Amino acid sequence: MPRLATALLLAAVTGTILGGCNGPGRGPDDGVTIDLDKAQGTDTGPLPAVYGSRDASRPLVILDPGHGGHDPGAISPFGDRREKDVTLAVARAIKDDLAASGRVRVAMTREDDRFLVLKDRYEIARRMGAQLFISIHADAAPGGDTARGATIYTLSEVASDKEAALLAQAQNGADAVAGAPAGAGAGVNRILIDLAQRESMEVSADFANLLKREASAYFPFRPDFHRFASLVVLKAPDVPSILFETGYLTNPADAAYIESAEGRRQIAAGMRSAIETHFARRRYGVVATH
């Protein structure tokens, strides 16, 4: 991928200068340290089917239904609905809406009940040259907490709050629970892919705000709808990525909405509106405003 090769080369040349930026106290706009070996993306497994426009120049969106297989995710106390099933149903609804519109191309990391390690999820997006990666989840609140509404997470090494940090810990631990090898720690091969990562994080944050604006007419958001966390699944250095929590399975109103055909239709409509507006902006060079 030419732009990644350029970014890697520039990052390697300027590594000494940029190395000092990788210290404590960084905010959500700072770069994120990525393992060079992971950034190369050498996986050669099969890739998913692409739906929607047949025009290869159209933007490609990858939908990632969270959890799957022996990892059920959160369990709703209202009917024991499993998060892995909810996320798959929501992703299918979004995929179908985007495909019917035909303005973008769309693929899913999984279309059935299977387990994927976190790295494989975002590597699918990288290998396919995606312009946007959306990991879909359904939240769960502690007992007695009446929280409801959708939340959008974007990447930062520093969590925006305690709840965001706890979510990152739980989501990043999915691989360990399933017996997958843990990610490698810092080593001599780690470099700061600052140029590509910084741009991706900025685009991701812009899309998070756009999604709130475009989709609020379709489904509710939490008041603090945009949060930051060090989520492994968002660490593709060259693909703008968000983790979208559709709502709370522990809230009866949210659970009923997410699990209903009408609720999924509205979530899909809001997401499609945001995605199509996002790429129209980028095509015509419209600067995002918040």
C-alpha atoms as a PDB file:
ATOM      1  CA  MET A   1       0.000   0.000   0.000  1.00  0.00           C
ATOM      2  CA  PRO A   2       1.897   3.110  -1.232  1.00  0.00           C
ATOM      3  CA  ARG A   3       0.652   5.610   1.356  1.00  0.00           C
ATOM      4  CA  LEU A   4       1.512   3.274   4.243  1.00  0.00           C
ATOM      5  CA  ALA A   5       4.973   2.618   2.784  1.00  0.00           C
ATOM      6  CA  THR A   6       5.528   6.372   2.543  1.00  0.00           C
ATOM      7  CA  ALA A   7       4.310   6.904   6.090  1.00  0.00           C
ATOM      8  CA  LEU A   8       6.541   4.119   7.396  1.00  0.00           C
ATOM      9  CA  LEU A   9       9.573   5.516   5.576  1.00  0.00           C
ATOM     10  CA  LEU A  10       8.984   9.026   6.869  1.00  0.00           C
ATOM     11  CA  ALA A  11       8.339   7.729  10.352  1.00  0.00           C
ATOM     12  CA  ALA A  12      11.547   5.678  10.305  1.00  0.00           C
ATOM     13  CA  VAL A  13      13.608   8.644   9.084  1.00  0.00           C
ATOM     14  CA  THR A  14      12.131  10.966  11.715  1.00  0.00           C
ATOM     15  CA  GLY A  15      11.898   8.341  14.453  1.00  0.00           C
ATOM     16  CA  THR A  16      14.548   9.975  16.588  1.00  0.00           C
ATOM     17  CA  ILE A  17      12.750  13.323  16.515  1.00  0.00           C
ATOM     18  CA  LEU A  18       9.320  11.881  17.081  1.00  0.00           C
ATOM     19  CA  GLY A  19      10.416   9.452  19.756  1.00  0.00           C
ATOM     20  CA  GLY A  20      10.169  12.152  22.390  1.00  0.00           C
ATOM     21  CA  CYS A  21       6.452  12.542  21.654  1.00  0.00           C
ATOM     22  CA  ASN A  22       5.660   9.087  22.966  1.00  0.00           C
ATOM     23  CA  GLY A  23       5.697  10.075  26.618  1.00  0.00           C
ATOM     24  CA  PRO A  24       3.074  10.182  29.358  1.00  0.00           C
ATOM     25  CA  GLY A  25       0.274  12.704  29.552  1.00  0.00           C
ATOM     26  CA  ARG A  26      -0.718  12.636  25.887  1.00  0.00           C
ATOM     27  CA  GLY A  27      -4.230  13.524  24.804  1.00  0.00           C
ATOM     28  CA  PRO A  28      -6.518  11.989  22.163  1.00  0.00           C
ATOM     29  CA  ASP A  29      -4.877  13.959  19.328  1.00  0.00           C
ATOM     30  CA  ASP A  30      -1.431  12.455  19.879  1.00  0.00           C
ATOM     31  CA  GLY A  31       0.080   9.593  17.943  1.00  0.00           C
ATOM     32  CA  VAL A  32      -0.153   5.992  19.080  1.00  0.00           C
ATOM     33  CA  THR A  33       2.761   3.585  19.177  1.00  0.00           C
ATOM     34  CA  ILE A  34       2.185   0.620  16.857  1.00  0.00           C
ATOM     35  CA  ASP A  35       4.330  -2.477  16.409  1.00  0.00           C
ATOM     36  CA  LEU A  36       6.086  -2.400  13.024  1.00  0.00           C
ATOM     37  CA  ASP A  37       5.533  -6.129  12.555  1.00  0.00           C
ATOM     38  CA  LYS A  38       1.804  -5.667  13.114  1.00  0.00           C
ATOM     39  CA  ALA A  39       1.695  -2.651  10.815  1.00  0.00           C
ATOM     40  CA  GLN A  40       2.958  -4.701   7.875  1.00  0.00           C
ATOM     41  CA  GLY A  41      -0.221  -6.814   7.760  1.00  0.00           C
ATOM     42  CA  THR A  42       1.155 -10.080   6.364  1.00  0.00           C
ATOM     43  CA  ASP A  43      -1.989 -12.208   6.822  1.00  0.00           C
ATOM     44  CA  THR A  44      -3.029 -13.927   3.581  1.00  0.00           C
ATOM     45  CA  GLY A  45      -6.263 -15.619   4.683  1.00  0.00           C
ATOM     46  CA  PRO A  46      -9.517 -15.347   2.726  1.00  0.00           C
ATOM     47  CA  LEU A  47     -11.226 -11.978   2.537  1.00  0.00           C
ATOM     48  CA  PRO A  48     -14.967 -11.356   2.896  1.00  0.00           C
ATOM     49  CA  ALA A  49     -17.407 -10.631   0.094  1.00  0.00           C
ATOM     50  CA  VAL A  50     -17.992  -7.028  -0.960  1.00  0.00           C
ATOM     51  CA  TYR A  51     -21.543  -5.720  -1.379  1.00  0.00           C
ATOM     52  CA  GLY A  52     -23.040  -2.567  -2.842  1.00  0.00           C
ATOM     53  CA  SER A  53     -21.509  -0.642  -5.699  1.00  0.00           C
ATOM     54  CA  ARG A  54     -19.477  -2.591  -8.260  1.00  0.00           C
ATOM     55  CA  ASP A  55     -17.390   0.493  -8.925  1.00  0.00           C
ATOM     56  CA  ALA A  56     -13.996  -0.248  -7.364  1.00  0.00           C
ATOM     57  CA  SER A  57     -13.341   3.480  -6.994  1.00  0.00           C
ATOM     58  CA  ARG A  58     -16.185   3.801  -4.481  1.00  0.00           C
ATOM     59  CA  PRO A  59     -15.150   3.971  -0.792  1.00  0.00           C
ATOM     60  CA  LEU A  60     -15.059   0.660   1.073  1.00  0.00           C
ATOM     61  CA  VAL A  61     -16.562   0.389   4.554  1.00  0.00           C
ATOM     62  CA  ILE A  62     -15.791  -2.589   6.788  1.00  0.00           C
ATOM     63  CA  LEU A  63     -18.400  -3.501   9.423  1.00  0.00           C
ATOM     64  CA  ASP A  64     -17.103  -5.564  12.328  1.00  0.00           C
ATOM     65  CA  PRO A  65     -19.780  -7.329  14.421  1.00  0.00           C
ATOM     66  CA  GLY A  66     -18.166  -7.646  17.838  1.00  0.00           C
ATOM     67  CA  HIS A  67     -17.500 -10.946  19.636  1.00  0.00           C
ATOM     68  CA  GLY A  68     -18.676 -14.248  18.092  1.00  0.00           C
ATOM     69  CA  GLY A  69     -18.112 -17.969  18.443  1.00  0.00           C
ATOM     70  CA  HIS A  70     -17.216 -18.949  21.990  1.00  0.00           C
ATOM     71  CA  ASP A  71     -17.079 -15.253  22.994  1.00  0.00           C
ATOM     72  CA  PRO A  72     -20.721 -14.212  23.590  1.00  0.00           C
ATOM     73  CA  GLY A  73     -19.961 -10.689  24.808  1.00  0.00           C
ATOM     74  CA  ALA A  74     -22.479  -9.097  27.154  1.00  0.00           C
ATOM     75  CA  ILE A  75     -25.641 -10.996  28.081  1.00  0.00           C
ATOM     76  CA  SER A  76     -28.922  -9.109  28.320  1.00  0.00           C
ATOM     77  CA  PRO A  77     -30.924  -9.840  31.504  1.00  0.00           C
ATOM     78  CA  PHE A  78     -34.037  -9.400  29.370  1.00  0.00           C
ATOM     79  CA  GLY A  79     -34.329 -12.703  27.503  1.00  0.00           C
ATOM     80  CA  ASP A  80     -30.640 -13.652  27.795  1.00  0.00           C
ATOM     81  CA  ARG A  81     -29.883 -12.127  24.399  1.00  0.00           C
ATOM     82  CA  ARG A  82     -26.146 -12.392  23.618  1.00  0.00           C
ATOM     83  CA  GLU A  83     -24.165  -9.419  22.370  1.00  0.00           C
ATOM     84  CA  LYS A  84     -22.548 -11.467  19.596  1.00  0.00           C
ATOM     85  CA  ASP A  85     -25.995 -12.119  18.064  1.00  0.00           C
ATOM     86  CA  VAL A  86     -27.158  -8.524  18.484  1.00  0.00           C
ATOM     87  CA  THR A  87     -24.051  -7.086  16.818  1.00  0.00           C
ATOM     88  CA  LEU A  88     -24.337  -9.471  13.883  1.00  0.00           C
ATOM     89  CA  ALA A  89     -27.996  -8.565  13.318  1.00  0.00           C
ATOM     90  CA  VAL A  90     -27.248  -4.826  13.488  1.00  0.00           C
ATOM     91  CA  ALA A  91     -24.259  -5.149  11.140  1.00  0.00           C
ATOM     92  CA  ARG A  92     -26.362  -7.042   8.618  1.00  0.00           C
ATOM     93  CA  ALA A  93     -29.008  -4.309   8.707  1.00  0.00           C
ATOM     94  CA  ILE A  94     -26.378  -1.613   8.095  1.00  0.00           C
ATOM     95  CA  LYS A  95     -24.768  -3.674   5.342  1.00  0.00           C
ATOM     96  CA  ASP A  96     -28.096  -4.206   3.570  1.00  0.00           C
ATOM     97  CA  ASP A  97     -28.959  -0.489   3.760  1.00  0.00           C
ATOM     98  CA  LEU A  98     -25.576   0.597   2.417  1.00  0.00           C
ATOM     99  CA  ALA A  99     -25.648  -2.033  -0.332  1.00  0.00           C
ATOM    100  CA  ALA A 100     -29.143  -0.989  -1.435  1.00  0.00           C
ATOM    101  CA  SER A 101     -28.081   2.658  -1.630  1.00  0.00           C
ATOM    102  CA  GLY A 102     -25.077   1.775  -3.802  1.00  0.00           C
ATOM    103  CA  ARG A 103     -23.007   4.847  -2.926  1.00  0.00           C
ATOM    104  CA  VAL A 104     -20.291   2.859  -1.169  1.00  0.00           C
ATOM    105  CA  ARG A 105     -18.952  -0.673  -1.062  1.00  0.00           C
ATOM    106  CA  VAL A 106     -19.350  -2.619   2.165  1.00  0.00           C
ATOM    107  CA  ALA A 107     -18.004  -5.848   3.692  1.00  0.00           C
ATOM    108  CA  MET A 108     -18.271  -7.565   7.069  1.00  0.00           C
ATOM    109  CA  THR A 109     -15.487  -9.162   9.083  1.00  0.00           C
ATOM    110  CA  ARG A 110     -17.858 -12.012   9.927  1.00  0.00           C
ATOM    111  CA  GLU A 111     -21.246 -12.999   8.525  1.00  0.00           C
ATOM    112  CA  ASP A 112     -21.866 -15.917  10.864  1.00  0.00           C
ATOM    113  CA  ASP A 113     -21.178 -16.997  14.445  1.00  0.00           C
ATOM    114  CA  ARG A 114     -17.401 -17.262  14.420  1.00  0.00           C
ATOM    115  CA  PHE A 115     -14.610 -15.929  16.603  1.00  0.00           C
ATOM    116  CA  LEU A 116     -11.956 -13.553  15.263  1.00  0.00           C
ATOM    117  CA  VAL A 117      -9.018 -12.208  17.236  1.00  0.00           C
ATOM    118  CA  LEU A 118      -8.900  -8.419  17.436  1.00  0.00           C
ATOM    119  CA  LYS A 119      -5.890  -7.996  15.149  1.00  0.00           C
ATOM    120  CA  ASP A 120      -7.508 -10.081  12.402  1.00  0.00           C
ATOM    121  CA  ARG A 121     -10.547  -7.824  12.471  1.00  0.00           C
ATOM    122  CA  TYR A 122      -8.726  -4.611  11.642  1.00  0.00           C
ATOM    123  CA  GLU A 123      -6.247  -6.396   9.376  1.00  0.00           C
ATOM    124  CA  ILE A 124      -9.162  -7.352   7.108  1.00  0.00           C
ATOM    125  CA  ALA A 125      -9.872  -3.644   6.692  1.00  0.00           C
ATOM    126  CA  ARG A 126      -6.220  -2.882   5.975  1.00  0.00           C
ATOM    127  CA  ARG A 127      -5.750  -5.713   3.490  1.00  0.00           C
ATOM    128  CA  MET A 128      -8.874  -4.677   1.591  1.00  0.00           C
ATOM    129  CA  GLY A 129      -7.834  -1.014   1.474  1.00  0.00           C
ATOM    130  CA  ALA A 130     -10.886   0.164   3.421  1.00  0.00           C
ATOM    131  CA  GLN A 131     -11.540   3.850   3.995  1.00  0.00           C
ATOM    132  CA  LEU A 132     -13.593   3.308   7.173  1.00  0.00           C
ATOM    133  CA  PHE A 133     -13.777   0.599   9.845  1.00  0.00           C
ATOM    134  CA  ILE A 134     -16.763   0.360  12.212  1.00  0.00           C
ATOM    135  CA  SER A 135     -16.705  -2.155  15.063  1.00  0.00           C
ATOM    136  CA  ILE A 136     -20.242  -2.733  16.346  1.00  0.00           C
ATOM    137  CA  HIS A 137     -21.023  -3.599  19.957  1.00  0.00           C
ATOM    138  CA  ALA A 138     -23.791  -3.429  22.567  1.00  0.00           C
ATOM    139  CA  ASP A 139     -22.922  -2.080  25.983  1.00  0.00           C
ATOM    140  CA  ALA A 140     -23.629  -3.382  29.481  1.00  0.00           C
ATOM    141  CA  ALA A 141     -23.824  -1.284  32.630  1.00  0.00           C
ATOM    142  CA  PRO A 142     -23.171  -2.396  36.232  1.00  0.00           C
ATOM    143  CA  GLY A 143     -26.160  -3.522  38.284  1.00  0.00           C
ATOM    144  CA  GLY A 144     -28.472  -0.665  39.192  1.00  0.00           C
ATOM    145  CA  ASP A 145     -27.048   1.643  36.509  1.00  0.00           C
ATOM    146  CA  THR A 146     -29.829   2.939  34.240  1.00  0.00           C
ATOM    147  CA  ALA A 147     -27.490   4.210  31.506  1.00  0.00           C
ATOM    148  CA  ARG A 148     -28.886   4.132  27.979  1.00  0.00           C
ATOM    149  CA  GLY A 149     -28.125   5.430  24.510  1.00  0.00           C
ATOM    150  CA  ALA A 150     -25.423   4.941  21.894  1.00  0.00           C
ATOM    151  CA  THR A 151     -21.736   5.728  22.465  1.00  0.00           C
ATOM    152  CA  ILE A 152     -18.888   6.181  19.990  1.00  0.00           C
ATOM    153  CA  TYR A 153     -15.292   5.340  20.902  1.00  0.00           C
ATOM    154  CA  THR A 154     -12.212   6.467  19.019  1.00  0.00           C
ATOM    155  CA  LEU A 155      -8.592   5.616  19.659  1.00  0.00           C
ATOM    156  CA  SER A 156      -6.397   7.173  22.312  1.00  0.00           C
ATOM    157  CA  GLU A 157      -3.733   5.735  24.580  1.00  0.00           C
ATOM    158  CA  VAL A 158      -5.295   7.803  27.366  1.00  0.00           C
ATOM    159  CA  ALA A 159      -8.883   6.903  28.282  1.00  0.00           C
ATOM    160  CA  SER A 160     -11.351   9.788  28.485  1.00  0.00           C
ATOM    161  CA  ASP A 161     -12.811   8.492  31.757  1.00  0.00           C
ATOM    162  CA  LYS A 162     -12.920   5.471  34.074  1.00  0.00           C
ATOM    163  CA  GLU A 163     -15.803   3.828  32.211  1.00  0.00           C
ATOM    164  CA  ALA A 164     -13.927   4.109  28.911  1.00  0.00           C
ATOM    165  CA  ALA A 165     -10.851   2.553  30.523  1.00  0.00           C
ATOM    166  CA  LEU A 166     -12.920  -0.344  31.887  1.00  0.00           C
ATOM    167  CA  LEU A 167     -14.496  -0.946  28.484  1.00  0.00           C
ATOM    168  CA  ALA A 168     -11.075  -1.029  26.820  1.00  0.00           C
ATOM    169  CA  GLN A 169      -9.854  -3.507  29.431  1.00  0.00           C
ATOM    170  CA  ALA A 170     -12.861  -5.767  28.841  1.00  0.00           C
ATOM    171  CA  GLN A 171     -12.787  -5.581  25.038  1.00  0.00           C
ATOM    172  CA  ASN A 172      -9.017  -5.983  24.770  1.00  0.00           C
ATOM    173  CA  GLY A 173      -9.229  -9.023  27.038  1.00  0.00           C
ATOM    174  CA  ALA A 174     -11.499 -10.890  24.635  1.00  0.00           C
ATOM    175  CA  ASP A 175      -8.546 -12.545  22.907  1.00  0.00           C
ATOM    176  CA  ALA A 176      -7.016 -13.710  26.193  1.00  0.00           C
ATOM    177  CA  VAL A 177     -10.309 -15.190  27.357  1.00  0.00           C
ATOM    178  CA  ALA A 178     -10.558 -17.111  24.091  1.00  0.00           C
ATOM    179  CA  GLY A 179      -7.032 -18.456  24.378  1.00  0.00           C
ATOM    180  CA  ALA A 180      -5.499 -16.322  21.618  1.00  0.00           C
ATOM    181  CA  PRO A 181      -1.924 -15.112  22.128  1.00  0.00           C
ATOM    182  CA  ALA A 182      -1.587 -11.708  23.725  1.00  0.00           C
ATOM    183  CA  GLY A 183      -0.106  -8.834  21.708  1.00  0.00           C
ATOM    184  CA  ALA A 184       3.645  -8.306  21.924  1.00  0.00           C
ATOM    185  CA  GLY A 185       4.945  -5.647  24.234  1.00  0.00           C
ATOM    186  CA  ALA A 186       7.366  -2.867  23.440  1.00  0.00           C
ATOM    187  CA  GLY A 187      10.539  -4.033  21.740  1.00  0.00           C
ATOM    188  CA  VAL A 188      13.338  -3.006  19.397  1.00  0.00           C
ATOM    189  CA  ASN A 189      10.994  -3.229  16.390  1.00  0.00           C
ATOM    190  CA  ARG A 190       8.465  -0.696  17.725  1.00  0.00           C
ATOM    191  CA  ILE A 191       8.324   2.632  15.886  1.00  0.00           C
ATOM    192  CA  LEU A 192       5.973   5.557  15.936  1.00  0.00           C
ATOM    193  CA  ILE A 193       3.862   5.524  12.757  1.00  0.00           C
ATOM    194  CA  ASP A 194       2.912   9.059  13.624  1.00  0.00           C
ATOM    195  CA  LEU A 195       1.910  10.500  10.267  1.00  0.00           C
ATOM    196  CA  ALA A 196      -0.584   7.853   9.190  1.00  0.00           C
ATOM    197  CA  GLN A 197      -1.917   7.270  12.698  1.00  0.00           C
ATOM    198  CA  ARG A 198      -2.470  10.932  13.489  1.00  0.00           C
ATOM    199  CA  GLU A 199      -4.456  11.484  10.285  1.00  0.00           C
ATOM    200  CA  SER A 200      -6.573   8.382  10.923  1.00  0.00           C
ATOM    201  CA  MET A 201      -7.354   9.489  14.475  1.00  0.00           C
ATOM    202  CA  GLU A 202      -8.420  12.941  13.299  1.00  0.00           C
ATOM    203  CA  VAL A 203     -10.693  11.504  10.607  1.00  0.00           C
ATOM    204  CA  SER A 204     -12.136   9.026  13.127  1.00  0.00           C
ATOM    205  CA  ALA A 205     -12.967  11.823  15.583  1.00  0.00           C
ATOM    206  CA  ASP A 206     -14.572  13.874  12.811  1.00  0.00           C
ATOM    207  CA  PHE A 207     -16.702  10.904  11.796  1.00  0.00           C
ATOM    208  CA  ALA A 208     -17.754  10.326  15.417  1.00  0.00           C
ATOM    209  CA  ASN A 209     -19.137  13.859  15.619  1.00  0.00           C
ATOM    210  CA  LEU A 210     -20.774  13.538  12.211  1.00  0.00           C
ATOM    211  CA  LEU A 211     -22.437  10.271  13.208  1.00  0.00           C
ATOM    212  CA  LYS A 212     -23.942  11.927  16.264  1.00  0.00           C
ATOM    213  CA  ARG A 213     -25.256  14.797  14.149  1.00  0.00           C
ATOM    214  CA  GLU A 214     -26.666  12.671  11.340  1.00  0.00           C
ATOM    215  CA  ALA A 215     -28.055   9.787  13.407  1.00  0.00           C
ATOM    216  CA  SER A 216     -29.611  11.625  16.358  1.00  0.00           C
ATOM    217  CA  ALA A 217     -32.881  11.836  14.442  1.00  0.00           C
ATOM    218  CA  TYR A 218     -32.964   8.036  14.259  1.00  0.00           C
ATOM    219  CA  PHE A 219     -31.764   6.783  17.650  1.00  0.00           C
ATOM    220  CA  PRO A 220     -30.695   8.182  21.049  1.00  0.00           C
ATOM    221  CA  PHE A 221     -27.132   8.873  22.156  1.00  0.00           C
ATOM    222  CA  ARG A 222     -25.652   9.266  25.610  1.00  0.00           C
ATOM    223  CA  PRO A 223     -25.023  12.911  26.589  1.00  0.00           C
ATOM    224  CA  ASP A 224     -21.273  12.159  26.615  1.00  0.00           C
ATOM    225  CA  PHE A 225     -21.525  10.292  23.312  1.00  0.00           C
ATOM    226  CA  HIS A 226     -17.849  10.499  22.223  1.00  0.00           C
ATOM    227  CA  ARG A 227     -15.244   8.751  24.338  1.00  0.00           C
ATOM    228  CA  PHE A 228     -11.599   7.817  23.902  1.00  0.00           C
ATOM    229  CA  ALA A 229      -9.879   4.569  24.826  1.00  0.00           C
ATOM    230  CA  SER A 230      -6.910   2.397  23.869  1.00  0.00           C
ATOM    231  CA  LEU A 231      -8.954  -0.260  22.071  1.00  0.00           C
ATOM    232  CA  VAL A 232      -6.898  -2.822  20.163  1.00  0.00           C
ATOM    233  CA  VAL A 233      -9.534  -3.254  17.463  1.00  0.00           C
ATOM    234  CA  LEU A 234      -9.145   0.433  16.503  1.00  0.00           C
ATOM    235  CA  LYS A 235      -5.359   0.352  16.074  1.00  0.00           C
ATOM    236  CA  ALA A 236      -5.105   0.045  12.296  1.00  0.00           C
ATOM    237  CA  PRO A 237      -2.648   2.897  11.668  1.00  0.00           C
ATOM    238  CA  ASP A 238      -3.991   3.811   8.226  1.00  0.00           C
ATOM    239  CA  VAL A 239      -7.773   3.160   8.431  1.00  0.00           C
ATOM    240  CA  PRO A 240     -10.082   5.614  10.239  1.00  0.00           C
ATOM    241  CA  SER A 241     -11.900   3.508  12.844  1.00  0.00           C
ATOM    242  CA  ILE A 242     -14.631   3.783  15.457  1.00  0.00           C
ATOM    243  CA  LEU A 243     -16.207   1.418  17.947  1.00  0.00           C
ATOM    244  CA  PHE A 244     -19.965   1.984  17.985  1.00  0.00           C
ATOM    245  CA  GLU A 245     -21.903   0.899  21.058  1.00  0.00           C
ATOM    246  CA  THR A 246     -25.518   0.681  19.834  1.00  0.00           C
ATOM    247  CA  GLY A 247     -26.966   0.996  23.339  1.00  0.00           C
ATOM    248  CA  TYR A 248     -27.199  -0.917  26.604  1.00  0.00           C
ATOM    249  CA  LEU A 249     -28.402  -4.510  26.739  1.00  0.00           C
ATOM    250  CA  THR A 250     -28.863  -3.928  30.473  1.00  0.00           C
ATOM    251  CA  ASN A 251     -31.419  -1.180  29.846  1.00  0.00           C
ATOM    252  CA  PRO A 252     -34.874  -2.571  29.005  1.00  0.00           C
ATOM    253  CA  ALA A 253     -35.741   0.233  26.563  1.00  0.00           C
ATOM    254  CA  ASP A 254     -32.393   0.016  24.761  1.00  0.00           C
ATOM    255  CA  ALA A 255     -32.457  -3.788  24.665  1.00  0.00           C
ATOM    256  CA  ALA A 256     -35.951  -3.890  23.176  1.00  0.00           C
ATOM    257  CA  TYR A 257     -35.035  -1.232  20.612  1.00  0.00           C
ATOM    258  CA  ILE A 258     -31.773  -2.838  19.467  1.00  0.00           C
ATOM    259  CA  GLU A 259     -33.342  -6.282  19.222  1.00  0.00           C
ATOM    260  CA  SER A 260     -36.348  -5.105  17.180  1.00  0.00           C
ATOM    261  CA  ALA A 261     -36.417  -5.041  13.376  1.00  0.00           C
ATOM    262  CA  GLU A 262     -37.545  -1.403  13.456  1.00  0.00           C
ATOM    263  CA  GLY A 263     -34.754  -0.434  15.832  1.00  0.00           C
ATOM    264  CA  ARG A 264     -32.154  -2.054  13.599  1.00  0.00           C
ATOM    265  CA  ARG A 265     -33.680  -0.321  10.567  1.00  0.00           C
ATOM    266  CA  GLN A 266     -33.346   3.058  12.248  1.00  0.00           C
ATOM    267  CA  ILE A 267     -29.776   2.373  13.361  1.00  0.00           C
ATOM    268  CA  ALA A 268     -28.935   1.382   9.782  1.00  0.00           C
ATOM    269  CA  ALA A 269     -30.567   4.502   8.353  1.00  0.00           C
ATOM    270  CA  GLY A 270     -28.676   6.788  10.728  1.00  0.00           C
ATOM    271  CA  MET A 271     -25.384   5.057  10.045  1.00  0.00           C
ATOM    272  CA  ARG A 272     -25.915   5.158   6.268  1.00  0.00           C
ATOM    273  CA  SER A 273     -26.665   8.890   6.394  1.00  0.00           C
ATOM    274  CA  ALA A 274     -23.462   9.565   8.332  1.00  0.00           C
ATOM    275  CA  ILE A 275     -21.296   7.327   6.143  1.00  0.00           C
ATOM    276  CA  GLU A 276     -22.536   8.805   2.882  1.00  0.00           C
ATOM    277  CA  THR A 277     -22.179  12.363   4.186  1.00  0.00           C
ATOM    278  CA  HIS A 278     -18.670  11.570   5.437  1.00  0.00           C
ATOM    279  CA  PHE A 279     -17.451  10.410   2.047  1.00  0.00           C
ATOM    280  CA  ALA A 280     -19.230  13.220   0.195  1.00  0.00           C
ATOM    281  CA  ARG A 281     -17.391  15.684   2.422  1.00  0.00           C
ATOM    282  CA  ARG A 282     -14.066  14.070   1.741  1.00  0.00           C
ATOM    283  CA  ARG A 283     -14.698  13.862  -1.991  1.00  0.00           C
ATOM    284  CA  TYR A 284     -15.450  17.583  -2.254  1.00  0.00           C
ATOM    285  CA  GLY A 285     -12.977  18.717   0.376  1.00  0.00           C
ATOM    286  CA  VAL A 286     -15.522  20.027   2.862  1.00  0.00           C
ATOM    287  CA  VAL A 287     -13.909  20.893   6.185  1.00  0.00           C
ATOM    288  CA  ALA A 288     -15.609  19.328   9.209  1.00  0.00           C
ATOM    289  CA  THR A 289     -17.176  21.678  11.734  1.00  0.00           C
ATOM    290  CA  HIS A 290     -18.175  20.724  15.289  1.00  0.00           C
END
